[in-house]
Amino acid sequence: MPAIDIDPYRSSDGLFECVGCGSRTESASHPGTCPNCDSPVQNISVSRE
């Protein structure tokens, strides 16, 4: 049987992307705004379908 690769990513890591400048920030909780340009950020570890 072939080995199964397991993705080490956990959604609890919290990866947030700025909707203004596109920079990314890791945080345990929602940072609110981008530290670079003060625009809103969204959690990109949540699928958006």
PDB file of N, CA and C in Angstrom:
ATOM      1  N   MET A   1       0.840  -1.177   0.000  1.00  0.00           N
ATOM      2  CA  MET A   1       0.000   0.000   0.000  1.00  0.00           C
ATOM      3  C   MET A   1       0.892   1.248   0.000  1.00  0.00           C
ATOM      4  N   PRO A   2       0.596   2.275  -0.847  1.00  0.00           N
ATOM      5  CA  PRO A   2       1.423   3.483  -0.902  1.00  0.00           C
ATOM      6  C   PRO A   2       1.232   4.342   0.355  1.00  0.00           C
ATOM      7  N   ALA A   3       2.279   5.075   0.685  1.00  0.00           N
ATOM      8  CA  ALA A   3       2.205   5.986   1.830  1.00  0.00           C
ATOM      9  C   ALA A   3       1.258   7.143   1.499  1.00  0.00           C
ATOM     10  N   ILE A   4       0.549   7.599   2.496  1.00  0.00           N
ATOM     11  CA  ILE A   4      -0.383   8.711   2.318  1.00  0.00           C
ATOM     12  C   ILE A   4       0.259   9.968   2.886  1.00  0.00           C
ATOM     13  N   ASP A   5       0.365  10.990   2.038  1.00  0.00           N
ATOM     14  CA  ASP A   5       0.893  12.275   2.512  1.00  0.00           C
ATOM     15  C   ASP A   5      -0.199  13.008   3.271  1.00  0.00           C
ATOM     16  N   ILE A   6       0.145  13.492   4.440  1.00  0.00           N
ATOM     17  CA  ILE A   6      -0.814  14.223   5.259  1.00  0.00           C
ATOM     18  C   ILE A   6      -0.399  15.686   5.292  1.00  0.00           C
ATOM     19  N   ASP A   7      -1.336  16.549   4.974  1.00  0.00           N
ATOM     20  CA  ASP A   7      -1.093  17.984   4.993  1.00  0.00           C
ATOM     21  C   ASP A   7      -0.948  18.429   6.454  1.00  0.00           C
ATOM     22  N   PRO A   8       0.186  19.030   6.830  1.00  0.00           N
ATOM     23  CA  PRO A   8       0.389  19.428   8.220  1.00  0.00           C
ATOM     24  C   PRO A   8      -0.390  20.670   8.630  1.00  0.00           C
ATOM     25  N   TYR A   9      -1.059  21.325   7.696  1.00  0.00           N
ATOM     26  CA  TYR A   9      -1.782  22.554   8.007  1.00  0.00           C
ATOM     27  C   TYR A   9      -2.984  22.282   8.896  1.00  0.00           C
ATOM     28  N   ARG A  10      -3.180  23.121   9.872  1.00  0.00           N
ATOM     29  CA  ARG A  10      -4.346  23.060  10.747  1.00  0.00           C
ATOM     30  C   ARG A  10      -5.059  24.409  10.668  1.00  0.00           C
ATOM     31  N   SER A  11      -6.374  24.403  10.489  1.00  0.00           N
ATOM     32  CA  SER A  11      -7.102  25.661  10.365  1.00  0.00           C
ATOM     33  C   SER A  11      -7.039  26.485  11.648  1.00  0.00           C
ATOM     34  N   SER A  12      -6.677  25.877  12.755  1.00  0.00           N
ATOM     35  CA  SER A  12      -6.560  26.622  14.014  1.00  0.00           C
ATOM     36  C   SER A  12      -5.348  27.550  14.002  1.00  0.00           C
ATOM     37  N   ASP A  13      -4.470  27.399  12.987  1.00  0.00           N
ATOM     38  CA  ASP A  13      -3.298  28.269  12.892  1.00  0.00           C
ATOM     39  C   ASP A  13      -3.695  29.716  12.624  1.00  0.00           C
ATOM     40  N   GLY A  14      -4.771  29.943  11.910  1.00  0.00           N
ATOM     41  CA  GLY A  14      -5.262  31.290  11.608  1.00  0.00           C
ATOM     42  C   GLY A  14      -4.372  32.048  10.653  1.00  0.00           C
ATOM     43  N   LEU A  15      -4.660  31.959   9.382  1.00  0.00           N
ATOM     44  CA  LEU A  15      -3.915  32.698   8.374  1.00  0.00           C
ATOM     45  C   LEU A  15      -4.848  33.752   7.797  1.00  0.00           C
ATOM     46  N   PHE A  16      -4.465  35.018   7.936  1.00  0.00           N
ATOM     47  CA  PHE A  16      -5.302  36.136   7.534  1.00  0.00           C
ATOM     48  C   PHE A  16      -4.639  36.894   6.401  1.00  0.00           C
ATOM     49  N   GLU A  17      -5.452  37.315   5.416  1.00  0.00           N
ATOM     50  CA  GLU A  17      -4.949  38.070   4.275  1.00  0.00           C
ATOM     51  C   GLU A  17      -5.641  39.418   4.208  1.00  0.00           C
ATOM     52  N   CYS A  18      -4.857  40.452   3.951  1.00  0.00           N
ATOM     53  CA  CYS A  18      -5.382  41.805   3.837  1.00  0.00           C
ATOM     54  C   CYS A  18      -6.118  41.949   2.510  1.00  0.00           C
ATOM     55  N   VAL A  19      -7.329  42.514   2.559  1.00  0.00           N
ATOM     56  CA  VAL A  19      -8.091  42.717   1.327  1.00  0.00           C
ATOM     57  C   VAL A  19      -7.590  43.930   0.556  1.00  0.00           C
ATOM     58  N   GLY A  20      -6.776  44.769   1.171  1.00  0.00           N
ATOM     59  CA  GLY A  20      -6.235  45.959   0.520  1.00  0.00           C
ATOM     60  C   GLY A  20      -4.911  45.710  -0.173  1.00  0.00           C
ATOM     61  N   CYS A  21      -3.905  45.270   0.596  1.00  0.00           N
ATOM     62  CA  CYS A  21      -2.557  45.137   0.028  1.00  0.00           C
ATOM     63  C   CYS A  21      -2.134  43.690  -0.218  1.00  0.00           C
ATOM     64  N   GLY A  22      -2.912  42.713   0.305  1.00  0.00           N
ATOM     65  CA  GLY A  22      -2.612  41.308   0.040  1.00  0.00           C
ATOM     66  C   GLY A  22      -1.599  40.683   0.970  1.00  0.00           C
ATOM     67  N   SER A  23      -1.086  41.413   1.958  1.00  0.00           N
ATOM     68  CA  SER A  23      -0.113  40.828   2.874  1.00  0.00           C
ATOM     69  C   SER A  23      -0.810  39.807   3.764  1.00  0.00           C
ATOM     70  N   ARG A  24      -0.054  38.831   4.250  1.00  0.00           N
ATOM     71  CA  ARG A  24      -0.613  37.761   5.075  1.00  0.00           C
ATOM     72  C   ARG A  24      -0.014  37.791   6.469  1.00  0.00           C
ATOM     73  N   THR A  25      -0.853  37.430   7.452  1.00  0.00           N
ATOM     74  CA  THR A  25      -0.462  37.437   8.848  1.00  0.00           C
ATOM     75  C   THR A  25      -0.986  36.183   9.515  1.00  0.00           C
ATOM     76  N   GLU A  26      -0.160  35.523  10.330  1.00  0.00           N
ATOM     77  CA  GLU A  26      -0.617  34.400  11.136  1.00  0.00           C
ATOM     78  C   GLU A  26      -0.961  34.920  12.519  1.00  0.00           C
ATOM     79  N   SER A  27      -2.115  34.476  13.033  1.00  0.00           N
ATOM     80  CA  SER A  27      -2.551  34.927  14.345  1.00  0.00           C
ATOM     81  C   SER A  27      -3.525  33.908  14.926  1.00  0.00           C
ATOM     82  N   ALA A  28      -3.501  33.741  16.244  1.00  0.00           N
ATOM     83  CA  ALA A  28      -4.431  32.827  16.906  1.00  0.00           C
ATOM     84  C   ALA A  28      -5.842  33.413  16.937  1.00  0.00           C
ATOM     85  N   SER A  29      -5.950  34.738  16.894  1.00  0.00           N
ATOM     86  CA  SER A  29      -7.256  35.387  16.879  1.00  0.00           C
ATOM     87  C   SER A  29      -7.294  36.418  15.744  1.00  0.00           C
ATOM     88  N   HIS A  30      -8.487  36.841  15.377  1.00  0.00           N
ATOM     89  CA  HIS A  30      -8.652  37.775  14.257  1.00  0.00           C
ATOM     90  C   HIS A  30      -7.969  39.100  14.587  1.00  0.00           C
ATOM     91  N   PRO A  31      -6.990  39.534  13.776  1.00  0.00           N
ATOM     92  CA  PRO A  31      -6.264  40.769  14.073  1.00  0.00           C
ATOM     93  C   PRO A  31      -7.059  42.047  13.812  1.00  0.00           C
ATOM     94  N   GLY A  32      -8.197  41.951  13.116  1.00  0.00           N
ATOM     95  CA  GLY A  32      -9.030  43.126  12.865  1.00  0.00           C
ATOM     96  C   GLY A  32      -8.627  43.885  11.620  1.00  0.00           C
ATOM     97  N   THR A  33      -7.446  44.511  11.633  1.00  0.00           N
ATOM     98  CA  THR A  33      -6.971  45.252  10.465  1.00  0.00           C
ATOM     99  C   THR A  33      -5.527  44.873  10.154  1.00  0.00           C
ATOM    100  N   CYS A  34      -5.125  45.174   8.940  1.00  0.00           N
ATOM    101  CA  CYS A  34      -3.774  44.890   8.466  1.00  0.00           C
ATOM    102  C   CYS A  34      -2.759  45.780   9.199  1.00  0.00           C
ATOM    103  N   PRO A  35      -1.664  45.191   9.686  1.00  0.00           N
ATOM    104  CA  PRO A  35      -0.644  46.001  10.348  1.00  0.00           C
ATOM    105  C   PRO A  35       0.127  46.895   9.375  1.00  0.00           C
ATOM    106  N   ASN A  36       0.055  46.601   8.066  1.00  0.00           N
ATOM    107  CA  ASN A  36       0.790  47.382   7.070  1.00  0.00           C
ATOM    108  C   ASN A  36       0.005  48.577   6.534  1.00  0.00           C
ATOM    109  N   CYS A  37      -1.321  48.372   6.251  1.00  0.00           N
ATOM    110  CA  CYS A  37      -2.078  49.448   5.602  1.00  0.00           C
ATOM    111  C   CYS A  37      -3.398  49.778   6.298  1.00  0.00           C
ATOM    112  N   ASP A  38      -3.713  49.081   7.384  1.00  0.00           N
ATOM    113  CA  ASP A  38      -4.912  49.334   8.185  1.00  0.00           C
ATOM    114  C   ASP A  38      -6.222  48.968   7.484  1.00  0.00           C
ATOM    115  N   SER A  39      -6.155  48.154   6.418  1.00  0.00           N
ATOM    116  CA  SER A  39      -7.362  47.664   5.741  1.00  0.00           C
ATOM    117  C   SER A  39      -7.873  46.423   6.473  1.00  0.00           C
ATOM    118  N   PRO A  40      -9.123  46.023   6.227  1.00  0.00           N
ATOM    119  CA  PRO A  40      -9.647  44.807   6.847  1.00  0.00           C
ATOM    120  C   PRO A  40      -8.901  43.564   6.356  1.00  0.00           C
ATOM    121  N   VAL A  41      -8.898  42.522   7.194  1.00  0.00           N
ATOM    122  CA  VAL A  41      -8.301  41.245   6.818  1.00  0.00           C
ATOM    123  C   VAL A  41      -9.374  40.167   6.861  1.00  0.00           C
ATOM    124  N   GLN A  42      -9.150  39.090   6.101  1.00  0.00           N
ATOM    125  CA  GLN A  42     -10.073  37.960   6.136  1.00  0.00           C
ATOM    126  C   GLN A  42      -9.294  36.684   6.402  1.00  0.00           C
ATOM    127  N   ASN A  43      -9.947  35.756   7.071  1.00  0.00           N
ATOM    128  CA  ASN A  43      -9.343  34.476   7.402  1.00  0.00           C
ATOM    129  C   ASN A  43      -9.352  33.608   6.154  1.00  0.00           C
ATOM    130  N   ILE A  44      -8.189  33.323   5.594  1.00  0.00           N
ATOM    131  CA  ILE A  44      -8.140  32.519   4.370  1.00  0.00           C
ATOM    132  C   ILE A  44      -7.991  31.033   4.661  1.00  0.00           C
ATOM    133  N   SER A  45      -7.990  30.653   5.950  1.00  0.00           N
ATOM    134  CA  SER A  45      -7.962  29.234   6.277  1.00  0.00           C
ATOM    135  C   SER A  45      -9.372  28.652   6.243  1.00  0.00           C
ATOM    136  N   VAL A  46     -10.373  29.496   5.982  1.00  0.00           N
ATOM    137  CA  VAL A  46     -11.762  29.073   5.847  1.00  0.00           C
ATOM    138  C   VAL A  46     -12.106  29.068   4.372  1.00  0.00           C
ATOM    139  N   SER A  47     -12.615  27.944   3.879  1.00  0.00           N
ATOM    140  CA  SER A  47     -12.940  27.879   2.452  1.00  0.00           C
ATOM    141  C   SER A  47     -14.101  28.807   2.136  1.00  0.00           C
ATOM    142  N   ARG A  48     -14.050  29.411   0.961  1.00  0.00           N
ATOM    143  CA  ARG A  48     -15.086  30.338   0.514  1.00  0.00           C
ATOM    144  C   ARG A  48     -15.613  29.846  -0.833  1.00  0.00           C
ATOM    145  N   GLU A  49     -16.646  29.031  -0.784  1.00  0.00           N
ATOM    146  CA  GLU A  49     -17.204  28.473  -2.013  1.00  0.00           C
ATOM    147  C   GLU A  49     -18.545  29.041  -2.331  1.00  0.00           C
TER     148      GLU A  49
END
